[in-house]
Amino acid sequence: QLQLVESGGGLVQAGGSLRLSCAASGFTLDYYAIGWFRQAPGKEREGVSCHSSTDLSTYYADSVRGRFTISRDNAKNTVYLQMYSLKPEDTGVYYCAAVEVAPVRQMCVSSRVDYWGKGTLVTVSS
């Protein structure tokens, strides 16, 4: 099976930090574009950050740029999202995603995705 499993979500106070992890199984992430999406209560899903290993480009949503960092560890077949200075508006379900060879903006803005995780909940209290 091809699967992405997120972990690391939880409750954190505003200004705090959290690192999300996404482990891939059934395929390797080496040549995939990877990304993180989120859906806040009452809002549409949005692309948070996406990265392509083929053109070495990275996309960040304006709302998280400078606070979040996406990374990957190919040896562990795992994707990470490091989040700093969390705000209550960062609250939502976070999903990791992967697509085989796609432009970063197309992945994050147009949700061009082959594989989705089931999500992990991040709650930021004020």
N, C-alpha and C. Protein backbone atom coordinates (compact mmCIF):
# COMPACT_ATOMS: atom_id res chain seq x y z
N GLN A 1 0.82 -1.18 0.00
CA GLN A 1 0.00 0.00 0.00
C GLN A 1 0.87 1.26 0.00
N LEU A 2 0.35 2.30 -0.59
CA LEU A 2 1.00 3.61 -0.58
C LEU A 2 0.31 4.44 0.50
N GLN A 3 1.08 4.88 1.49
CA GLN A 3 0.47 5.51 2.64
C GLN A 3 1.36 6.59 3.24
N LEU A 4 0.72 7.65 3.73
CA LEU A 4 1.38 8.71 4.48
C LEU A 4 0.69 8.81 5.83
N VAL A 5 1.47 8.80 6.91
CA VAL A 5 0.93 8.85 8.25
C VAL A 5 1.55 10.00 9.02
N GLU A 6 0.71 10.97 9.43
CA GLU A 6 1.17 12.13 10.17
C GLU A 6 1.21 11.85 11.67
N SER A 7 2.06 12.59 12.37
CA SER A 7 2.12 12.55 13.81
C SER A 7 2.70 13.87 14.31
N GLY A 8 2.56 14.13 15.60
CA GLY A 8 3.14 15.31 16.21
C GLY A 8 2.17 16.42 16.52
N GLY A 9 0.92 16.27 16.13
CA GLY A 9 -0.06 17.28 16.44
C GLY A 9 -0.40 17.28 17.92
N GLY A 10 -1.06 18.35 18.36
CA GLY A 10 -1.44 18.44 19.75
C GLY A 10 -1.85 19.85 20.12
N LEU A 11 -1.92 20.10 21.41
CA LEU A 11 -2.31 21.40 21.94
C LEU A 11 -1.07 22.18 22.36
N VAL A 12 -0.98 23.42 21.91
CA VAL A 12 0.16 24.26 22.24
C VAL A 12 -0.33 25.69 22.44
N GLN A 13 0.33 26.43 23.32
CA GLN A 13 -0.03 27.82 23.55
C GLN A 13 0.52 28.72 22.46
N ALA A 14 -0.15 29.84 22.24
CA ALA A 14 0.33 30.81 21.26
C ALA A 14 1.76 31.21 21.57
N GLY A 15 2.57 31.30 20.52
CA GLY A 15 3.97 31.60 20.67
C GLY A 15 4.85 30.38 20.80
N GLY A 16 4.25 29.23 20.96
CA GLY A 16 4.99 27.99 21.12
C GLY A 16 5.38 27.38 19.79
N SER A 17 6.00 26.21 19.87
CA SER A 17 6.51 25.52 18.70
C SER A 17 6.01 24.08 18.66
N LEU A 18 6.00 23.53 17.47
CA LEU A 18 5.57 22.16 17.28
C LEU A 18 6.21 21.63 16.00
N ARG A 19 6.56 20.35 15.99
CA ARG A 19 7.08 19.74 14.78
C ARG A 19 6.20 18.57 14.38
N LEU A 20 5.70 18.62 13.17
CA LEU A 20 4.90 17.54 12.62
C LEU A 20 5.77 16.62 11.79
N SER A 21 5.46 15.34 11.83
CA SER A 21 6.18 14.35 11.04
C SER A 21 5.20 13.59 10.16
N CYS A 22 5.70 13.12 9.03
CA CYS A 22 4.89 12.33 8.11
C CYS A 22 5.75 11.21 7.56
N ALA A 23 5.41 9.99 7.91
CA ALA A 23 6.15 8.81 7.48
C ALA A 23 5.48 8.19 6.26
N ALA A 24 6.27 7.94 5.23
CA ALA A 24 5.75 7.32 4.01
C ALA A 24 6.05 5.83 4.02
N SER A 25 5.11 5.05 3.52
CA SER A 25 5.31 3.62 3.36
C SER A 25 4.74 3.18 2.02
N GLY A 26 5.33 2.13 1.46
CA GLY A 26 4.88 1.63 0.17
C GLY A 26 5.53 2.32 -1.01
N PHE A 27 6.23 3.41 -0.77
CA PHE A 27 6.95 4.13 -1.81
C PHE A 27 8.01 4.98 -1.14
N THR A 28 8.96 5.48 -1.91
CA THR A 28 10.00 6.34 -1.38
C THR A 28 9.78 7.78 -1.84
N LEU A 29 10.16 8.72 -0.98
CA LEU A 29 9.91 10.13 -1.23
C LEU A 29 11.01 10.83 -2.01
N ASP A 30 12.07 10.13 -2.32
CA ASP A 30 13.26 10.74 -2.91
C ASP A 30 12.95 11.65 -4.10
N TYR A 31 12.09 11.19 -4.99
CA TYR A 31 11.83 11.93 -6.23
C TYR A 31 10.41 12.50 -6.29
N TYR A 32 9.82 12.70 -5.14
CA TYR A 32 8.49 13.27 -5.05
C TYR A 32 8.54 14.69 -4.54
N ALA A 33 7.65 15.52 -5.03
CA ALA A 33 7.38 16.79 -4.38
C ALA A 33 6.55 16.50 -3.14
N ILE A 34 6.85 17.17 -2.05
CA ILE A 34 6.18 16.93 -0.78
C ILE A 34 5.56 18.21 -0.28
N GLY A 35 4.54 18.08 0.56
CA GLY A 35 3.89 19.28 1.06
C GLY A 35 3.04 19.04 2.28
N TRP A 36 2.65 20.16 2.88
CA TRP A 36 1.73 20.17 4.01
C TRP A 36 0.56 21.09 3.70
N PHE A 37 -0.62 20.62 4.01
CA PHE A 37 -1.85 21.38 3.87
C PHE A 37 -2.55 21.44 5.22
N ARG A 38 -3.46 22.37 5.37
CA ARG A 38 -4.23 22.44 6.60
C ARG A 38 -5.64 22.91 6.31
N GLN A 39 -6.54 22.54 7.20
CA GLN A 39 -7.92 22.98 7.11
C GLN A 39 -8.38 23.44 8.49
N ALA A 40 -8.63 24.73 8.61
CA ALA A 40 -9.11 25.30 9.86
C ALA A 40 -10.62 25.14 9.93
N PRO A 41 -11.17 25.16 11.14
CA PRO A 41 -12.63 25.04 11.29
C PRO A 41 -13.36 26.11 10.49
N GLY A 42 -14.29 25.68 9.65
CA GLY A 42 -15.09 26.60 8.87
C GLY A 42 -14.39 27.20 7.66
N LYS A 43 -13.18 26.75 7.35
CA LYS A 43 -12.44 27.28 6.23
C LYS A 43 -12.06 26.18 5.24
N GLU A 44 -11.69 26.59 4.04
CA GLU A 44 -11.26 25.65 3.02
C GLU A 44 -9.83 25.19 3.27
N ARG A 45 -9.50 24.03 2.73
CA ARG A 45 -8.14 23.52 2.82
C ARG A 45 -7.20 24.43 2.07
N GLU A 46 -6.03 24.67 2.63
CA GLU A 46 -5.04 25.51 2.00
C GLU A 46 -3.67 24.86 2.03
N GLY A 47 -2.89 25.13 1.02
CA GLY A 47 -1.52 24.66 0.99
C GLY A 47 -0.66 25.52 1.89
N VAL A 48 0.05 24.89 2.80
CA VAL A 48 0.90 25.59 3.75
C VAL A 48 2.33 25.72 3.23
N SER A 49 2.90 24.60 2.82
CA SER A 49 4.26 24.59 2.33
C SER A 49 4.48 23.37 1.46
N CYS A 50 5.17 23.56 0.35
CA CYS A 50 5.49 22.46 -0.56
C CYS A 50 6.93 22.60 -1.04
N HIS A 51 7.57 21.47 -1.29
CA HIS A 51 8.96 21.47 -1.72
C HIS A 51 9.18 20.42 -2.79
N SER A 52 9.95 20.80 -3.80
CA SER A 52 10.30 19.89 -4.89
C SER A 52 11.79 19.58 -4.84
N SER A 53 12.12 18.30 -4.88
CA SER A 53 13.52 17.90 -4.89
C SER A 53 14.13 17.95 -6.28
N THR A 54 13.30 18.06 -7.31
CA THR A 54 13.80 18.09 -8.68
C THR A 54 14.30 19.47 -9.09
N ASP A 55 13.60 20.53 -8.68
CA ASP A 55 14.05 21.88 -8.99
C ASP A 55 14.49 22.66 -7.75
N LEU A 56 14.46 22.01 -6.59
CA LEU A 56 14.92 22.58 -5.32
C LEU A 56 14.16 23.85 -4.94
N SER A 57 12.91 23.94 -5.33
CA SER A 57 12.10 25.10 -5.00
C SER A 57 11.18 24.79 -3.83
N THR A 58 10.83 25.84 -3.09
CA THR A 58 9.97 25.72 -1.92
C THR A 58 8.92 26.81 -1.94
N TYR A 59 7.71 26.45 -1.59
CA TYR A 59 6.61 27.40 -1.50
C TYR A 59 6.12 27.47 -0.06
N TYR A 60 5.86 28.69 0.41
CA TYR A 60 5.22 28.90 1.70
C TYR A 60 4.05 29.85 1.53
N ALA A 61 2.95 29.52 2.18
CA ALA A 61 1.83 30.45 2.21
C ALA A 61 2.25 31.72 2.93
N ASP A 62 1.70 32.86 2.51
CA ASP A 62 2.06 34.13 3.12
C ASP A 62 1.85 34.13 4.63
N SER A 63 0.83 33.43 5.08
CA SER A 63 0.48 33.43 6.49
C SER A 63 1.49 32.70 7.37
N VAL A 64 2.34 31.86 6.78
CA VAL A 64 3.28 31.07 7.58
C VAL A 64 4.73 31.35 7.24
N ARG A 65 4.98 32.08 6.19
CA ARG A 65 6.35 32.35 5.75
C ARG A 65 7.15 33.03 6.86
N GLY A 66 8.32 32.49 7.14
CA GLY A 66 9.16 33.00 8.21
C GLY A 66 8.95 32.32 9.53
N ARG A 67 7.87 31.57 9.68
CA ARG A 67 7.57 30.87 10.92
C ARG A 67 7.64 29.35 10.77
N PHE A 68 7.31 28.84 9.60
CA PHE A 68 7.29 27.40 9.35
C PHE A 68 8.43 27.02 8.42
N THR A 69 8.93 25.79 8.59
CA THR A 69 9.96 25.26 7.73
C THR A 69 9.64 23.82 7.36
N ILE A 70 9.64 23.53 6.06
CA ILE A 70 9.42 22.17 5.59
C ILE A 70 10.77 21.52 5.32
N SER A 71 10.88 20.24 5.62
CA SER A 71 12.11 19.51 5.38
C SER A 71 11.80 18.04 5.14
N ARG A 72 12.80 17.32 4.68
CA ARG A 72 12.62 15.89 4.43
C ARG A 72 13.89 15.14 4.82
N ASP A 73 13.72 13.91 5.22
CA ASP A 73 14.82 13.01 5.51
C ASP A 73 14.59 11.77 4.66
N ASN A 74 15.27 11.71 3.53
CA ASN A 74 15.05 10.60 2.60
C ASN A 74 15.47 9.26 3.19
N ALA A 75 16.49 9.27 4.06
CA ALA A 75 16.93 8.03 4.68
C ALA A 75 15.84 7.43 5.56
N LYS A 76 15.05 8.29 6.19
CA LYS A 76 13.95 7.84 7.04
C LYS A 76 12.62 7.84 6.31
N ASN A 77 12.63 8.29 5.05
CA ASN A 77 11.40 8.35 4.25
C ASN A 77 10.33 9.16 4.97
N THR A 78 10.73 10.31 5.51
CA THR A 78 9.88 11.10 6.38
C THR A 78 9.93 12.58 6.00
N VAL A 79 8.79 13.25 6.11
CA VAL A 79 8.66 14.68 5.87
C VAL A 79 8.36 15.37 7.20
N TYR A 80 8.87 16.58 7.37
CA TYR A 80 8.65 17.32 8.61
C TYR A 80 8.12 18.72 8.31
N LEU A 81 7.38 19.24 9.27
CA LEU A 81 6.99 20.65 9.26
C LEU A 81 7.29 21.21 10.63
N GLN A 82 8.32 22.04 10.71
CA GLN A 82 8.68 22.70 11.95
C GLN A 82 7.94 24.03 12.03
N MET A 83 7.18 24.22 13.10
CA MET A 83 6.36 25.41 13.25
C MET A 83 6.80 26.19 14.49
N TYR A 84 7.11 27.46 14.31
CA TYR A 84 7.49 28.36 15.38
C TYR A 84 6.48 29.50 15.49
N SER A 85 6.49 30.15 16.64
CA SER A 85 5.64 31.33 16.87
C SER A 85 4.21 31.06 16.46
N LEU A 86 3.66 29.99 16.94
CA LEU A 86 2.32 29.58 16.55
C LEU A 86 1.27 30.57 17.02
N LYS A 87 0.26 30.75 16.19
CA LYS A 87 -0.84 31.65 16.45
C LYS A 87 -2.14 30.87 16.50
N PRO A 88 -3.15 31.39 17.18
CA PRO A 88 -4.44 30.70 17.22
C PRO A 88 -4.99 30.41 15.82
N GLU A 89 -4.74 31.28 14.86
CA GLU A 89 -5.23 31.06 13.51
C GLU A 89 -4.51 29.93 12.78
N ASP A 90 -3.46 29.38 13.38
CA ASP A 90 -2.80 28.20 12.83
C ASP A 90 -3.54 26.91 13.18
N THR A 91 -4.53 27.01 14.02
CA THR A 91 -5.30 25.84 14.43
C THR A 91 -5.97 25.17 13.23
N GLY A 92 -5.91 23.85 13.19
CA GLY A 92 -6.56 23.12 12.13
C GLY A 92 -6.01 21.71 12.02
N VAL A 93 -6.57 20.95 11.10
CA VAL A 93 -6.06 19.63 10.79
C VAL A 93 -5.01 19.76 9.71
N TYR A 94 -3.84 19.23 9.97
CA TYR A 94 -2.72 19.32 9.04
C TYR A 94 -2.53 18.00 8.32
N TYR A 95 -2.42 18.07 7.00
CA TYR A 95 -2.27 16.89 6.15
C TYR A 95 -0.94 16.96 5.41
N CYS A 96 -0.23 15.84 5.37
CA CYS A 96 0.94 15.78 4.50
C CYS A 96 0.53 15.18 3.17
N ALA A 97 1.33 15.48 2.14
CA ALA A 97 0.97 15.06 0.80
C ALA A 97 2.22 14.87 -0.05
N ALA A 98 2.07 14.09 -1.12
CA ALA A 98 3.17 13.85 -2.04
C ALA A 98 2.64 13.71 -3.45
N VAL A 99 3.44 14.16 -4.41
CA VAL A 99 3.10 14.01 -5.82
C VAL A 99 4.38 13.76 -6.60
N GLU A 100 4.32 12.85 -7.57
CA GLU A 100 5.49 12.52 -8.36
C GLU A 100 5.68 13.56 -9.46
N VAL A 101 6.70 14.38 -9.30
CA VAL A 101 7.10 15.38 -10.28
C VAL A 101 5.97 16.37 -10.59
N ALA A 102 5.93 17.44 -9.84
CA ALA A 102 4.97 18.51 -10.07
C ALA A 102 5.57 19.83 -9.60
N PRO A 103 5.26 20.92 -10.30
CA PRO A 103 5.74 22.22 -9.83
C PRO A 103 5.21 22.52 -8.44
N VAL A 104 6.02 23.17 -7.64
CA VAL A 104 5.67 23.43 -6.25
C VAL A 104 4.40 24.26 -6.13
N ARG A 105 4.28 25.33 -6.90
CA ARG A 105 3.11 26.18 -6.81
C ARG A 105 1.85 25.42 -7.24
N GLN A 106 1.97 24.57 -8.25
CA GLN A 106 0.83 23.79 -8.68
C GLN A 106 0.39 22.83 -7.58
N MET A 107 1.34 22.26 -6.88
CA MET A 107 1.01 21.35 -5.79
C MET A 107 0.31 22.09 -4.66
N CYS A 108 0.89 23.17 -4.19
CA CYS A 108 0.39 23.85 -3.00
C CYS A 108 -0.83 24.74 -3.27
N VAL A 109 -0.85 25.40 -4.42
CA VAL A 109 -1.94 26.32 -4.73
C VAL A 109 -3.12 25.59 -5.36
N SER A 110 -2.85 24.64 -6.24
CA SER A 110 -3.90 23.93 -6.96
C SER A 110 -4.16 22.53 -6.42
N SER A 111 -3.52 22.16 -5.34
CA SER A 111 -3.69 20.85 -4.70
C SER A 111 -3.43 19.70 -5.66
N ARG A 112 -2.36 19.80 -6.42
CA ARG A 112 -1.94 18.72 -7.31
C ARG A 112 -1.22 17.68 -6.45
N VAL A 113 -1.94 16.65 -6.05
CA VAL A 113 -1.46 15.68 -5.08
C VAL A 113 -1.82 14.27 -5.51
N ASP A 114 -0.89 13.34 -5.35
CA ASP A 114 -1.15 11.93 -5.61
C ASP A 114 -1.53 11.18 -4.34
N TYR A 115 -0.86 11.49 -3.23
CA TYR A 115 -1.07 10.78 -1.98
C TYR A 115 -1.33 11.75 -0.85
N TRP A 116 -2.34 11.43 -0.03
CA TRP A 116 -2.71 12.23 1.13
C TRP A 116 -2.58 11.42 2.41
N GLY A 117 -2.14 12.08 3.48
CA GLY A 117 -2.23 11.49 4.80
C GLY A 117 -3.62 11.71 5.36
N LYS A 118 -3.89 11.12 6.51
CA LYS A 118 -5.20 11.25 7.13
C LYS A 118 -5.32 12.48 8.02
N GLY A 119 -4.22 13.12 8.34
CA GLY A 119 -4.24 14.36 9.08
C GLY A 119 -3.91 14.22 10.55
N THR A 120 -3.41 15.30 11.13
CA THR A 120 -3.16 15.39 12.56
C THR A 120 -3.62 16.77 13.03
N LEU A 121 -4.27 16.81 14.17
CA LEU A 121 -4.88 18.05 14.66
C LEU A 121 -3.88 18.89 15.44
N VAL A 122 -3.81 20.16 15.08
CA VAL A 122 -3.01 21.15 15.80
C VAL A 122 -3.95 22.19 16.37
N THR A 123 -3.89 22.39 17.68
CA THR A 123 -4.72 23.38 18.33
C THR A 123 -3.83 24.37 19.07
N VAL A 124 -3.96 25.64 18.73
CA VAL A 124 -3.15 26.69 19.34
C VAL A 124 -4.06 27.55 20.20
N SER A 125 -3.81 27.58 21.48
CA SER A 125 -4.62 28.36 22.41
C SER A 125 -4.03 29.75 22.60
N SER A 126 -4.89 30.71 22.88
CA SER A 126 -4.46 32.09 23.08
C SER A 126 -4.18 32.37 24.53
